[in-house]
Amino acid sequence: MTTSHPLISIVVPVYNVAPQLGRCLDSILRQDFRDFELILVDDGSRDSSGEICDRYASQHPCIQVIHQANSGVSAARNAGIRRAQGEWIYFADSDDWMEHDLLSTFQSYLTPDTDLYLIGAAIEYDGHTTFVTPHAHRYTRMDEALVYLYQKNLVGVPWNKLFRRRIVETYHLTFCEALNSYEDELFNLEYCQHVTSVSTIPYHGYHYLTTSNDQSLSKRILTHKERKHVAGLLYDAARKISDNPDYVAYLGQKYAFHIYDSVEIYYKKAWPAGITRAEKREFLLLCYTLLHENDFCSQFFPPKRVWVLKLIFLCKHTAYIQLAFQLDLFRIKLSKWLHHERI
């Protein structure tokens, strides 16, 4: 039975997920830990998702429904934060589902002196399941925690974390509604700036659904200027957490890899519609300049090769084959360096 001030507030943004929504809600209502409220934020759905939310709310007193004009997933989560009354806030996605003991697992680890809890997940991709499970550990240094979590690919999502509502409210933390990519990671990093300790839990009871034709509202290809802007925001947010030299060097490496990934997405997958050849050269030159100026990347791009790289950008489209080859070499060297790194 829930109270007016439950232990956990679960926030679920909802948009056009009628076929999957029932599975998500049923999995939450089957939890063996009952001291929670469930806040569903219907973000202007055009299908029957809003009606499904209302039907569940009429049958279960723990459910509240917010209907709002379509404003994006960040605005939906922010609406849920404003309504939440629990000591802790948990975010779930409306097309995912969870095992019956997810909340009770979180609850069994709660202590007064820990401000953030993380679990792993079962990644459901086109019929295949991959399990990501962190080790059991309590970190009192956020730089050490973030390096580990980045290595496990557990930083950039909200659904594997339990956030203390007092911290969110005290520091007026919200999901950036101006972004439509990496807004979750930015929120997580800003939250971590105010955390004294974090516990990782060896559990993967959350099922994250992703497919090769995922058409989430918040997903689209970023322009090169947006990519640079987002990478800078993430770097700056993470940089505020610690001045440890090894940690700062690791962030530089993350920033460089983020820029490389941008090149790979555009070159190997899809350029934005209507982009000109001149704009392609501008973007690629920007990426290589950032890579070369970064101290971490200078290991892979000796100064004597800079002029060769710049010449590539001045060539016509056929030179992009050479560029891709250079990028692949960088990716291989980067992967080897990451595999042997010791922080």
Protein backbone atom coordinates (compact mmCIF):
# COMPACT_ATOMS: atom_id res chain seq x y z
CA MET A 1 0.00 0.00 0.00
CA THR A 2 1.31 3.41 -0.90
CA THR A 3 1.28 6.50 1.33
CA SER A 4 1.09 10.20 0.52
CA HIS A 5 4.89 10.23 0.67
CA PRO A 6 6.06 6.92 -0.79
CA LEU A 7 9.64 5.77 -0.68
CA ILE A 8 10.01 5.68 -4.48
CA SER A 9 8.42 7.75 -7.23
CA ILE A 10 8.49 6.02 -10.62
CA VAL A 11 8.28 8.41 -13.58
CA VAL A 12 7.36 7.00 -17.00
CA PRO A 13 7.18 9.29 -20.06
CA VAL A 14 4.65 7.97 -22.56
CA TYR A 15 4.39 8.72 -26.26
CA ASN A 16 2.75 6.53 -28.92
CA VAL A 17 3.62 3.19 -27.30
CA ALA A 18 0.18 1.61 -27.09
CA PRO A 19 1.35 -1.90 -28.14
CA GLN A 20 4.10 -2.04 -25.47
CA LEU A 21 2.63 0.11 -22.69
CA GLY A 22 0.60 -2.61 -20.98
CA ARG A 23 3.65 -4.84 -20.59
CA CYS A 24 5.58 -1.99 -18.97
CA LEU A 25 2.80 -1.04 -16.55
CA ASP A 26 2.01 -4.63 -15.61
CA SER A 27 5.66 -5.27 -14.78
CA ILE A 28 5.68 -2.26 -12.45
CA LEU A 29 2.43 -3.23 -10.75
CA ARG A 30 3.79 -6.75 -10.15
CA GLN A 31 6.63 -5.44 -7.99
CA ASP A 32 7.01 -7.25 -4.68
CA PHE A 33 7.94 -3.90 -3.09
CA ARG A 34 4.78 -1.79 -2.85
CA ASP A 35 5.77 1.55 -1.31
CA PHE A 36 5.85 3.49 -4.57
CA GLU A 37 3.84 5.89 -6.67
CA LEU A 38 3.70 5.63 -10.45
CA ILE A 39 3.56 8.87 -12.45
CA LEU A 40 2.67 8.46 -16.11
CA VAL A 41 3.29 11.50 -18.32
CA ASP A 42 1.37 11.27 -21.59
CA ASP A 43 3.36 13.56 -23.87
CA GLY A 44 0.63 14.28 -26.40
CA SER A 45 0.32 10.74 -27.73
CA ARG A 46 -1.58 10.41 -31.01
CA ASP A 47 -2.48 6.75 -30.46
CA SER A 48 -4.41 5.20 -27.56
CA SER A 49 -1.53 5.49 -25.06
CA GLY A 50 -3.26 8.28 -23.12
CA GLU A 51 -6.46 6.25 -22.77
CA ILE A 52 -4.47 3.23 -21.57
CA CYS A 53 -2.82 5.38 -18.90
CA ASP A 54 -6.22 6.64 -17.71
CA ARG A 55 -7.65 3.13 -17.61
CA TYR A 56 -4.80 1.83 -15.46
CA ALA A 57 -5.06 4.87 -13.15
CA SER A 58 -8.78 4.21 -12.61
CA GLN A 59 -7.93 0.70 -11.42
CA HIS A 60 -4.80 1.39 -9.36
CA PRO A 61 -4.66 4.20 -6.75
CA CYS A 62 -0.86 4.35 -6.89
CA ILE A 63 -0.98 5.71 -10.46
CA GLN A 64 -1.18 9.38 -11.40
CA VAL A 65 -1.51 10.54 -15.01
CA ILE A 66 -0.30 13.83 -16.47
CA HIS A 67 -1.50 14.77 -19.95
CA GLN A 68 0.48 17.46 -21.75
CA ALA A 69 1.03 18.73 -25.27
CA ASN A 70 3.85 16.98 -27.08
CA SER A 71 7.06 18.57 -25.77
CA GLY A 72 9.60 15.74 -25.83
CA VAL A 73 10.86 13.12 -23.42
CA SER A 74 12.86 15.61 -21.32
CA ALA A 75 9.82 17.80 -20.72
CA ALA A 76 7.82 14.70 -19.80
CA ARG A 77 10.41 13.59 -17.25
CA ASN A 78 10.60 17.10 -15.84
CA ALA A 79 6.82 17.12 -15.38
CA GLY A 80 7.15 13.85 -13.49
CA ILE A 81 9.90 15.28 -11.27
CA ARG A 82 7.65 18.21 -10.32
CA ARG A 83 4.85 15.84 -9.32
CA ALA A 84 7.04 13.31 -7.45
CA GLN A 85 6.68 12.96 -3.67
CA GLY A 86 8.95 9.99 -3.00
CA GLU A 87 12.28 10.07 -1.21
CA TRP A 88 13.79 8.52 -4.33
CA ILE A 89 13.01 8.96 -8.05
CA TYR A 90 13.26 6.18 -10.60
CA PHE A 91 12.78 6.68 -14.36
CA ALA A 92 11.52 3.90 -16.62
CA ASP A 93 10.86 3.92 -20.37
CA SER A 94 7.35 3.04 -21.50
CA ASP A 95 8.41 0.36 -24.01
CA ASP A 96 10.62 -1.48 -21.50
CA TRP A 97 9.76 -3.79 -18.62
CA MET A 98 11.25 -4.97 -15.32
CA GLU A 99 11.50 -8.07 -13.18
CA HIS A 100 9.24 -8.29 -10.12
CA ASP A 101 12.10 -7.74 -7.66
CA LEU A 102 13.66 -4.62 -9.19
CA LEU A 103 12.38 -2.18 -6.57
CA SER A 104 12.96 -4.55 -3.67
CA THR A 105 16.55 -5.04 -4.85
CA PHE A 106 17.09 -1.29 -4.78
CA GLN A 107 15.40 -1.06 -1.38
CA SER A 108 17.63 -3.75 0.12
CA TYR A 109 20.74 -1.66 -0.62
CA LEU A 110 19.47 1.72 0.65
CA THR A 111 21.58 3.45 3.30
CA PRO A 112 21.41 7.04 4.62
CA ASP A 113 24.91 7.91 3.39
CA THR A 114 24.56 6.89 -0.29
CA ASP A 115 23.03 9.25 -2.84
CA LEU A 116 22.97 7.23 -6.07
CA TYR A 117 22.34 3.56 -6.85
CA LEU A 118 22.92 1.82 -10.17
CA ILE A 119 21.96 -1.54 -11.59
CA GLY A 120 22.67 -3.25 -14.89
CA ALA A 121 20.20 -4.32 -17.55
CA ALA A 122 19.13 -6.99 -19.97
CA ILE A 123 19.54 -5.38 -23.38
CA GLU A 124 16.89 -6.75 -25.76
CA TYR A 125 18.02 -6.20 -29.35
CA ASP A 126 16.16 -7.79 -32.28
CA GLY A 127 15.36 -10.98 -30.39
CA HIS A 128 18.73 -11.30 -28.68
CA THR A 129 19.47 -10.53 -25.02
CA THR A 130 22.76 -9.21 -23.67
CA PHE A 131 23.25 -8.83 -19.92
CA VAL A 132 25.21 -5.93 -18.44
CA THR A 133 25.86 -6.43 -14.74
CA PRO A 134 28.01 -4.13 -12.60
CA HIS A 135 29.98 -5.43 -9.66
CA ALA A 136 28.88 -4.78 -6.08
CA HIS A 137 30.80 -1.77 -4.82
CA ARG A 138 30.33 1.45 -2.91
CA TYR A 139 32.32 4.37 -4.33
CA THR A 140 33.15 7.45 -2.27
CA ARG A 141 35.07 9.06 -5.15
CA MET A 142 32.87 9.99 -8.08
CA ASP A 143 35.77 10.15 -10.53
CA GLU A 144 36.58 6.49 -9.88
CA ALA A 145 32.88 5.58 -10.10
CA LEU A 146 32.41 7.37 -13.43
CA VAL A 147 35.45 5.77 -15.06
CA TYR A 148 34.09 2.35 -14.12
CA LEU A 149 30.56 3.20 -15.22
CA TYR A 150 31.75 4.60 -18.54
CA GLN A 151 33.65 1.39 -19.15
CA LYS A 152 30.46 -0.58 -18.46
CA ASN A 153 28.40 1.81 -20.63
CA LEU A 154 26.08 2.63 -17.71
CA VAL A 155 26.38 6.43 -17.53
CA GLY A 156 24.19 7.67 -20.37
CA VAL A 157 20.76 6.33 -19.35
CA PRO A 158 18.36 7.15 -16.48
CA TRP A 159 16.54 3.82 -16.12
CA ASN A 160 19.35 2.02 -14.27
CA LYS A 161 19.61 4.63 -11.50
CA LEU A 162 17.84 5.59 -8.30
CA PHE A 163 18.10 9.34 -7.62
CA ARG A 164 17.61 11.05 -4.26
CA ARG A 165 14.78 13.56 -4.77
CA ARG A 166 16.21 16.00 -2.22
CA ILE A 167 19.33 16.45 -4.37
CA VAL A 168 17.29 16.90 -7.55
CA GLU A 169 15.13 19.57 -5.91
CA THR A 170 17.87 21.32 -3.93
CA TYR A 171 20.02 21.90 -7.01
CA HIS A 172 17.07 22.41 -9.40
CA LEU A 173 18.21 19.58 -11.66
CA THR A 174 16.18 18.98 -14.80
CA PHE A 175 16.56 17.24 -18.14
CA CYS A 176 17.67 19.75 -20.76
CA GLU A 177 14.66 20.31 -23.02
CA ALA A 178 16.80 22.08 -25.61
CA LEU A 179 18.64 18.83 -26.39
CA ASN A 180 17.21 15.78 -28.08
CA SER A 181 20.30 13.59 -27.73
CA TYR A 182 22.52 12.90 -24.71
CA GLU A 183 20.17 14.82 -22.40
CA ASP A 184 20.04 11.78 -20.09
CA GLU A 185 23.81 11.63 -19.76
CA LEU A 186 24.00 15.36 -19.09
CA PHE A 187 21.39 15.07 -16.31
CA ASN A 188 23.28 12.15 -14.77
CA LEU A 189 26.59 14.02 -14.81
CA GLU A 190 25.03 17.13 -13.29
CA TYR A 191 23.49 14.99 -10.55
CA CYS A 192 26.85 13.34 -9.88
CA GLN A 193 28.37 16.76 -9.15
CA HIS A 194 26.38 16.75 -5.89
CA VAL A 195 26.83 13.12 -4.87
CA THR A 196 29.10 11.98 -2.05
CA SER A 197 28.85 8.25 -2.67
CA VAL A 198 27.38 5.80 -5.17
CA SER A 199 26.63 2.09 -4.93
CA THR A 200 26.61 -0.29 -7.87
CA ILE A 201 24.36 -3.34 -7.58
CA PRO A 202 25.05 -6.67 -9.35
CA TYR A 203 21.56 -6.97 -10.80
CA HIS A 204 20.14 -6.81 -14.34
CA GLY A 205 16.37 -6.99 -13.83
CA TYR A 206 15.53 -4.09 -16.16
CA HIS A 207 14.79 -5.05 -19.76
CA TYR A 208 15.82 -2.33 -22.18
CA LEU A 209 14.26 -2.76 -25.61
CA THR A 210 16.17 -1.49 -28.62
CA THR A 211 15.82 -2.47 -32.26
CA SER A 212 17.59 -1.78 -35.52
CA ASN A 213 14.62 0.36 -36.62
CA ASP A 214 14.19 2.23 -33.33
CA GLN A 215 12.22 5.41 -33.99
CA SER A 216 12.22 7.04 -30.58
CA LEU A 217 11.08 10.65 -30.52
CA SER A 218 14.38 11.87 -29.17
CA LYS A 219 16.60 10.08 -31.67
CA ARG A 220 17.91 11.71 -34.82
CA ILE A 221 21.25 12.35 -36.44
CA LEU A 222 22.95 15.42 -35.01
CA THR A 223 24.58 18.00 -37.21
CA HIS A 224 28.33 18.40 -36.74
CA LYS A 225 27.86 21.66 -34.86
CA GLU A 226 25.33 20.03 -32.52
CA ARG A 227 27.70 17.10 -32.00
CA LYS A 228 30.54 19.40 -31.02
CA HIS A 229 28.24 21.38 -28.71
CA VAL A 230 26.93 18.26 -26.95
CA ALA A 231 30.41 16.79 -26.54
CA GLY A 232 31.51 20.03 -24.92
CA LEU A 233 28.55 20.06 -22.52
CA LEU A 234 29.25 16.50 -21.41
CA TYR A 235 32.97 17.17 -20.98
CA ASP A 236 32.35 20.33 -18.94
CA ALA A 237 29.78 18.63 -16.70
CA ALA A 238 32.04 15.66 -16.02
CA ARG A 239 35.09 17.90 -15.56
CA LYS A 240 33.46 19.65 -12.57
CA ILE A 241 33.42 16.41 -10.61
CA SER A 242 37.17 16.04 -10.04
CA ASP A 243 40.59 17.55 -10.78
CA ASN A 244 42.34 14.19 -10.61
CA PRO A 245 44.86 14.21 -13.53
CA ASP A 246 44.11 10.63 -14.56
CA TYR A 247 40.40 11.36 -14.54
CA VAL A 248 40.84 14.55 -16.58
CA ALA A 249 42.95 12.63 -19.10
CA TYR A 250 40.22 9.99 -19.33
CA LEU A 251 37.63 12.67 -20.05
CA GLY A 252 39.84 14.03 -22.82
CA GLN A 253 39.91 10.57 -24.32
CA LYS A 254 36.11 10.31 -24.04
CA TYR A 255 35.72 13.67 -25.77
CA ALA A 256 38.05 12.61 -28.59
CA PHE A 257 36.24 9.33 -29.06
CA HIS A 258 32.91 11.17 -29.13
CA ILE A 259 34.17 13.31 -32.01
CA TYR A 260 35.55 10.28 -33.85
CA ASP A 261 32.20 8.52 -33.45
CA SER A 262 30.57 11.55 -35.05
CA VAL A 263 32.79 11.18 -38.12
CA GLU A 264 32.05 7.47 -38.35
CA ILE A 265 28.29 8.03 -38.16
CA TYR A 266 28.31 10.60 -40.94
CA TYR A 267 30.79 8.91 -43.23
CA LYS A 268 29.66 5.31 -42.91
CA LYS A 269 25.94 5.72 -42.22
CA ALA A 270 24.21 8.90 -43.28
CA TRP A 271 24.97 12.53 -43.89
CA PRO A 272 22.16 14.98 -43.07
CA ALA A 273 19.91 15.63 -46.05
CA GLY A 274 21.01 18.48 -48.27
CA ILE A 275 24.53 18.82 -46.89
CA THR A 276 26.98 20.15 -49.47
CA ARG A 277 30.47 18.87 -50.26
CA ALA A 278 31.92 22.05 -48.76
CA GLU A 279 30.00 21.42 -45.54
CA LYS A 280 31.30 17.85 -45.46
CA ARG A 281 34.87 19.10 -45.75
CA GLU A 282 34.22 21.70 -43.05
CA PHE A 283 32.84 19.06 -40.70
CA LEU A 284 35.63 16.55 -41.29
CA LEU A 285 38.29 19.23 -40.91
CA LEU A 286 36.69 20.31 -37.65
CA CYS A 287 36.71 16.74 -36.35
CA TYR A 288 40.34 16.15 -37.25
CA THR A 289 41.35 19.50 -35.77
CA LEU A 290 39.66 18.59 -32.51
CA LEU A 291 41.23 15.15 -32.53
CA HIS A 292 44.69 16.51 -33.20
CA GLU A 293 44.49 19.33 -30.65
CA ASN A 294 43.39 16.96 -27.92
CA ASP A 295 46.43 15.82 -25.92
CA PHE A 296 45.19 12.26 -25.84
CA CYS A 297 44.89 12.08 -29.63
CA SER A 298 48.34 13.50 -30.28
CA GLN A 299 49.60 9.98 -29.55
CA PHE A 300 47.90 8.79 -32.74
CA PHE A 301 48.47 11.80 -34.99
CA PRO A 302 52.16 12.83 -34.98
CA PRO A 303 52.74 16.45 -36.08
CA LYS A 304 54.56 15.38 -39.24
CA ARG A 305 51.34 13.80 -40.52
CA VAL A 306 49.10 16.79 -39.92
CA TRP A 307 49.78 18.35 -43.32
CA VAL A 308 48.89 15.05 -45.03
CA LEU A 309 45.58 14.92 -43.20
CA LYS A 310 44.77 18.50 -44.11
CA LEU A 311 45.47 17.79 -47.77
CA ILE A 312 42.87 15.06 -47.68
CA PHE A 313 40.19 17.61 -46.83
CA LEU A 314 41.13 19.70 -49.83
CA CYS A 315 40.67 16.82 -52.22
CA LYS A 316 37.48 15.82 -53.90
CA HIS A 317 35.04 13.11 -52.87
CA THR A 318 37.32 10.20 -53.79
CA ALA A 319 39.71 11.21 -51.02
CA TYR A 320 37.08 10.29 -48.43
CA ILE A 321 38.11 6.67 -48.96
CA GLN A 322 41.56 7.59 -47.66
CA LEU A 323 39.95 9.49 -44.82
CA ALA A 324 37.88 6.47 -43.79
CA PHE A 325 41.03 4.36 -43.80
CA GLN A 326 42.76 6.84 -41.49
CA LEU A 327 39.74 6.84 -39.19
CA ASP A 328 39.73 3.06 -39.03
CA LEU A 329 43.40 3.11 -38.04
CA PHE A 330 42.60 5.60 -35.32
CA ARG A 331 39.69 3.48 -34.09
CA ILE A 332 41.89 0.37 -33.87
CA LYS A 333 44.64 2.20 -31.99
CA LEU A 334 42.11 3.83 -29.70
CA SER A 335 40.43 0.52 -28.89
CA LYS A 336 43.78 -1.08 -28.08
CA TRP A 337 44.71 1.83 -25.84
CA LEU A 338 41.38 1.65 -24.01
CA HIS A 339 41.74 -2.10 -23.55
CA HIS A 340 45.10 -1.71 -21.82
CA GLU A 341 44.39 1.50 -19.90
CA ARG A 342 44.84 1.54 -16.15
CA ILE A 343 43.15 4.36 -14.27
